[in-house]
Amino acid sequence: MKGFYPEKKLPETSIGQQVAADLRMRIISKDLKSGSVLSENKLSEEYNVSRSPIREALRVLEREDLVQLKRMGAKVIGITEKDIDEIYDVRLMMESFVFKHLLEEENNDSLIKELNKILEMMKIAVKYKDADEFSFRDIEFHETIIRSINHRYIGILWSNIKPVMECLILLDMRHRMKNNYDDFQRVLVNHQLLIRSIGGPAVKTRIFPAKDENHKKD
């Protein structure tokens, strides 16, 4: 791989999915700019794989509307600031819906225990200044909440936005770790508040993740 996506976290699936993960990061980070043309042959050489997994990767990215397939390659569509805002809008709507359900539950003890375990791992990642590990634990934290209500179509919606969301969080946390390390303490406190907010129906305060909690405005 080119190294934009953490190699140790590459999907344990097909080579095409692994190439897609790295290309996705390159597109969202604007290493591959909107309008540029991706050649199957050139990508095959860059990633040292056959053209078959390259085609698989490009099909994945086309479904995410990041590229437009062309003959023997693809054109980069990329992602705009408006796109990013809309992704966070969708995440906010999903998590608000899930929190509404969780606040009506009488016992969320097992979920709270799991979230606290993840939070401890997030704290360790901050301690050792591991932005990538923090990012993946952050995704795990929110995914655990979203999947806790066993809502099939919310789960499908989350799965659809997760790959791009993951890249946005990775890029943001890398930048934050380098330029605003102290802010991670506030982020950790916010996650602790989220855990407290699902302590049961007696909790009246509505604490929902801000749409830019892991975005540039945070």
Protein backbone atom coordinates (compact mmCIF):
# COMPACT_ATOMS: atom_id res chain seq x y z
CA MET A 1 0.00 0.00 0.00
CA LYS A 2 0.98 3.63 -0.37
CA GLY A 3 0.76 4.21 3.37
CA PHE A 4 -2.03 6.77 3.65
CA TYR A 5 -4.28 4.26 5.40
CA PRO A 6 -2.74 2.55 8.48
CA GLU A 7 -1.38 -0.76 7.20
CA LYS A 8 -2.08 -2.60 10.46
CA LYS A 9 -5.74 -1.61 10.13
CA LEU A 10 -6.22 -2.60 6.51
CA PRO A 11 -9.41 -4.64 6.00
CA GLU A 12 -8.80 -8.35 6.41
CA THR A 13 -10.63 -9.02 3.18
CA SER A 14 -9.64 -8.86 -0.48
CA ILE A 15 -6.67 -7.01 -1.91
CA GLY A 16 -9.17 -4.86 -3.77
CA GLN A 17 -10.75 -3.73 -0.50
CA GLN A 18 -7.30 -2.91 0.87
CA VAL A 19 -6.44 -0.85 -2.20
CA ALA A 20 -9.83 0.89 -1.91
CA ALA A 21 -9.08 1.82 1.71
CA ASP A 22 -5.80 3.47 0.74
CA LEU A 23 -7.19 5.18 -2.36
CA ARG A 24 -10.12 6.49 -0.33
CA MET A 25 -7.69 8.15 2.09
CA ARG A 26 -5.70 9.60 -0.79
CA ILE A 27 -8.83 11.06 -2.37
CA ILE A 28 -10.28 12.49 0.85
CA SER A 29 -6.89 13.94 1.86
CA LYS A 30 -6.70 15.45 -1.64
CA ASP A 31 -3.46 13.65 -2.44
CA LEU A 32 -5.49 12.59 -5.47
CA LYS A 33 -7.24 15.75 -6.57
CA SER A 34 -10.73 16.12 -7.95
CA GLY A 35 -10.70 15.78 -11.74
CA SER A 36 -7.54 13.69 -11.91
CA VAL A 37 -7.67 10.47 -13.91
CA LEU A 38 -6.68 7.16 -12.35
CA SER A 39 -5.26 4.60 -14.74
CA GLU A 40 -5.74 0.92 -13.96
CA ASN A 41 -2.29 0.17 -15.33
CA LYS A 42 -0.59 2.89 -13.32
CA LEU A 43 -2.38 1.95 -10.11
CA SER A 44 -1.49 -1.67 -10.72
CA GLU A 45 2.18 -0.67 -10.84
CA GLU A 46 1.93 1.63 -7.80
CA TYR A 47 0.29 -1.00 -5.62
CA ASN A 48 2.17 -3.93 -7.14
CA VAL A 49 -1.03 -5.90 -7.76
CA SER A 50 -2.86 -7.12 -10.83
CA ARG A 51 -5.53 -5.03 -12.52
CA SER A 52 -8.35 -7.18 -11.12
CA PRO A 53 -8.13 -5.85 -7.52
CA ILE A 54 -7.64 -2.34 -8.91
CA ARG A 55 -10.93 -2.65 -10.77
CA GLU A 56 -12.55 -3.98 -7.61
CA ALA A 57 -11.24 -1.00 -5.63
CA LEU A 58 -12.48 1.50 -8.19
CA ARG A 59 -15.95 -0.09 -8.17
CA VAL A 60 -16.06 0.27 -4.38
CA LEU A 61 -15.11 3.95 -4.63
CA GLU A 62 -17.66 4.51 -7.38
CA ARG A 63 -20.42 3.26 -5.07
CA GLU A 64 -19.22 5.84 -2.54
CA ASP A 65 -19.40 8.52 -5.25
CA LEU A 66 -15.69 9.29 -4.90
CA VAL A 67 -14.79 8.34 -8.47
CA GLN A 68 -16.49 7.99 -11.82
CA LEU A 69 -15.50 4.88 -13.74
CA LYS A 70 -13.95 5.40 -17.15
CA ARG A 71 -12.48 3.04 -19.71
CA MET A 72 -9.39 1.44 -18.13
CA GLY A 73 -9.60 3.63 -15.05
CA ALA A 74 -11.60 6.30 -13.25
CA LYS A 75 -11.94 10.04 -12.78
CA VAL A 76 -11.70 11.40 -9.23
CA ILE A 77 -14.87 13.15 -8.06
CA GLY A 78 -13.52 13.79 -4.59
CA ILE A 79 -15.36 15.25 -1.63
CA THR A 80 -16.40 18.83 -0.91
CA GLU A 81 -16.88 20.72 2.34
CA LYS A 82 -20.63 20.50 1.73
CA ASP A 83 -20.32 16.73 1.37
CA ILE A 84 -18.45 16.54 4.67
CA ASP A 85 -21.06 18.66 6.45
CA GLU A 86 -23.82 16.44 5.10
CA ILE A 87 -22.04 13.28 6.28
CA TYR A 88 -21.85 14.71 9.79
CA ASP A 89 -25.52 15.73 9.53
CA VAL A 90 -26.42 12.11 8.82
CA ARG A 91 -24.29 10.88 11.71
CA LEU A 92 -25.92 13.38 14.07
CA MET A 93 -29.42 12.30 13.01
CA MET A 94 -28.55 8.64 13.50
CA GLU A 95 -26.97 9.12 16.90
CA SER A 96 -29.76 11.39 18.11
CA PHE A 97 -32.27 8.70 17.12
CA VAL A 98 -30.25 6.02 18.92
CA PHE A 99 -29.82 8.13 22.06
CA LYS A 100 -33.56 8.75 22.20
CA HIS A 101 -34.10 5.00 22.30
CA LEU A 102 -31.32 4.41 24.83
CA LEU A 103 -32.70 7.04 27.21
CA GLU A 104 -35.95 5.08 27.29
CA GLU A 105 -34.20 1.87 28.33
CA GLU A 106 -34.24 0.90 31.99
CA ASN A 107 -30.85 -0.81 31.95
CA ASN A 108 -27.91 0.06 29.73
CA ASP A 109 -25.31 -1.40 32.09
CA SER A 110 -23.69 -3.77 29.59
CA LEU A 111 -23.41 -1.01 26.97
CA ILE A 112 -21.98 1.41 29.52
CA LYS A 113 -19.39 -1.18 30.57
CA GLU A 114 -18.33 -1.73 26.97
CA LEU A 115 -18.11 2.01 26.27
CA ASN A 116 -16.00 2.58 29.36
CA LYS A 117 -13.57 -0.12 28.17
CA ILE A 118 -13.26 1.61 24.81
CA LEU A 119 -12.83 4.98 26.49
CA GLU A 120 -9.92 3.63 28.54
CA MET A 121 -8.23 2.49 25.32
CA MET A 122 -8.82 5.95 23.85
CA LYS A 123 -7.07 7.46 26.88
CA ILE A 124 -4.08 5.17 26.33
CA ALA A 125 -3.92 6.21 22.67
CA VAL A 126 -3.85 9.86 23.73
CA LYS A 127 -1.15 9.16 26.30
CA TYR A 128 1.09 7.61 23.66
CA LYS A 129 0.08 10.16 21.01
CA ASP A 130 -1.25 7.49 18.68
CA ALA A 131 -3.70 9.41 16.52
CA ASP A 132 -4.58 6.42 14.33
CA GLU A 133 -5.38 4.15 17.28
CA PHE A 134 -7.46 6.91 18.86
CA SER A 135 -9.38 7.35 15.61
CA PHE A 136 -10.27 3.67 15.32
CA ARG A 137 -11.29 3.50 18.97
CA ASP A 138 -13.43 6.60 18.48
CA ILE A 139 -15.17 4.92 15.54
CA GLU A 140 -15.61 1.77 17.64
CA PHE A 141 -17.12 3.85 20.47
CA HIS A 142 -19.77 5.42 18.26
CA GLU A 143 -20.43 2.24 16.32
CA THR A 144 -21.03 0.39 19.58
CA ILE A 145 -23.67 2.95 20.52
CA ILE A 146 -25.32 2.91 17.10
CA ARG A 147 -25.50 -0.88 16.86
CA SER A 148 -26.68 -1.31 20.46
CA ILE A 149 -30.36 -0.82 19.57
CA ASN A 150 -30.25 -3.53 16.89
CA HIS A 151 -31.96 -1.37 14.28
CA ARG A 152 -31.30 -3.07 10.95
CA TYR A 153 -31.60 -0.06 8.67
CA ILE A 154 -29.75 2.31 10.98
CA GLY A 155 -26.98 -0.30 10.87
CA ILE A 156 -27.04 -0.32 7.07
CA LEU A 157 -26.92 3.47 6.95
CA TRP A 158 -23.97 3.50 9.35
CA SER A 159 -22.12 0.91 7.26
CA ASN A 160 -22.60 3.09 4.19
CA ILE A 161 -21.08 6.23 5.70
CA LYS A 162 -18.46 4.54 7.91
CA PRO A 163 -15.63 4.22 5.34
CA VAL A 164 -15.61 7.92 4.49
CA MET A 165 -16.28 8.92 8.12
CA GLU A 166 -13.30 6.82 9.16
CA CYS A 167 -11.02 8.70 6.76
CA LEU A 168 -12.29 12.08 7.92
CA ILE A 169 -11.65 11.19 11.55
CA LEU A 170 -8.19 9.76 10.81
CA LEU A 171 -7.12 12.91 8.99
CA ASP A 172 -8.61 15.20 11.63
CA MET A 173 -7.06 13.34 14.57
CA ARG A 174 -3.64 13.23 12.91
CA HIS A 175 -3.81 16.98 12.45
CA ARG A 176 -5.12 17.54 15.97
CA MET A 177 -2.46 15.32 17.55
CA LYS A 178 0.23 17.35 15.83
CA ASN A 179 -1.22 20.83 16.29
CA ASN A 180 -3.66 20.76 19.21
CA TYR A 181 -2.77 17.84 21.47
CA ASP A 182 -4.29 19.40 24.60
CA ASP A 183 -7.74 19.37 22.99
CA PHE A 184 -7.90 15.59 23.32
CA GLN A 185 -8.72 15.99 27.01
CA ARG A 186 -11.89 17.85 26.09
CA VAL A 187 -12.77 15.16 23.56
CA LEU A 188 -12.33 12.47 26.21
CA VAL A 189 -14.54 14.39 28.63
CA ASN A 190 -17.23 14.66 25.94
CA HIS A 191 -17.17 10.90 25.47
CA GLN A 192 -17.48 10.43 29.22
CA LEU A 193 -20.53 12.69 29.20
CA LEU A 194 -22.05 10.60 26.42
CA ILE A 195 -21.65 7.50 28.59
CA ARG A 196 -23.27 9.22 31.56
CA SER A 197 -26.14 10.42 29.41
CA ILE A 198 -27.31 6.86 28.71
CA GLY A 199 -27.29 5.87 32.35
CA GLY A 200 -31.03 5.36 32.35
CA PRO A 201 -34.41 7.06 31.94
CA ALA A 202 -33.75 9.27 34.95
CA VAL A 203 -31.13 11.16 32.98
CA LYS A 204 -32.94 14.22 31.67
CA THR A 205 -30.08 16.04 30.00
CA ARG A 206 -29.99 15.50 26.25
CA ILE A 207 -26.36 15.09 25.34
CA PHE A 208 -25.97 14.39 21.64
CA PRO A 209 -22.71 14.42 19.69
CA ALA A 210 -22.21 17.70 17.90
CA LYS A 211 -22.03 17.19 14.18
CA ASP A 212 -18.47 18.49 14.14
CA GLU A 213 -17.30 16.65 17.26
CA ASN A 214 -14.50 15.02 15.30
CA HIS A 215 -14.44 17.61 12.53
CA LYS A 216 -12.37 20.67 11.84
CA LYS A 217 -14.48 23.03 13.98
CA ASP A 218 -13.93 20.94 17.10
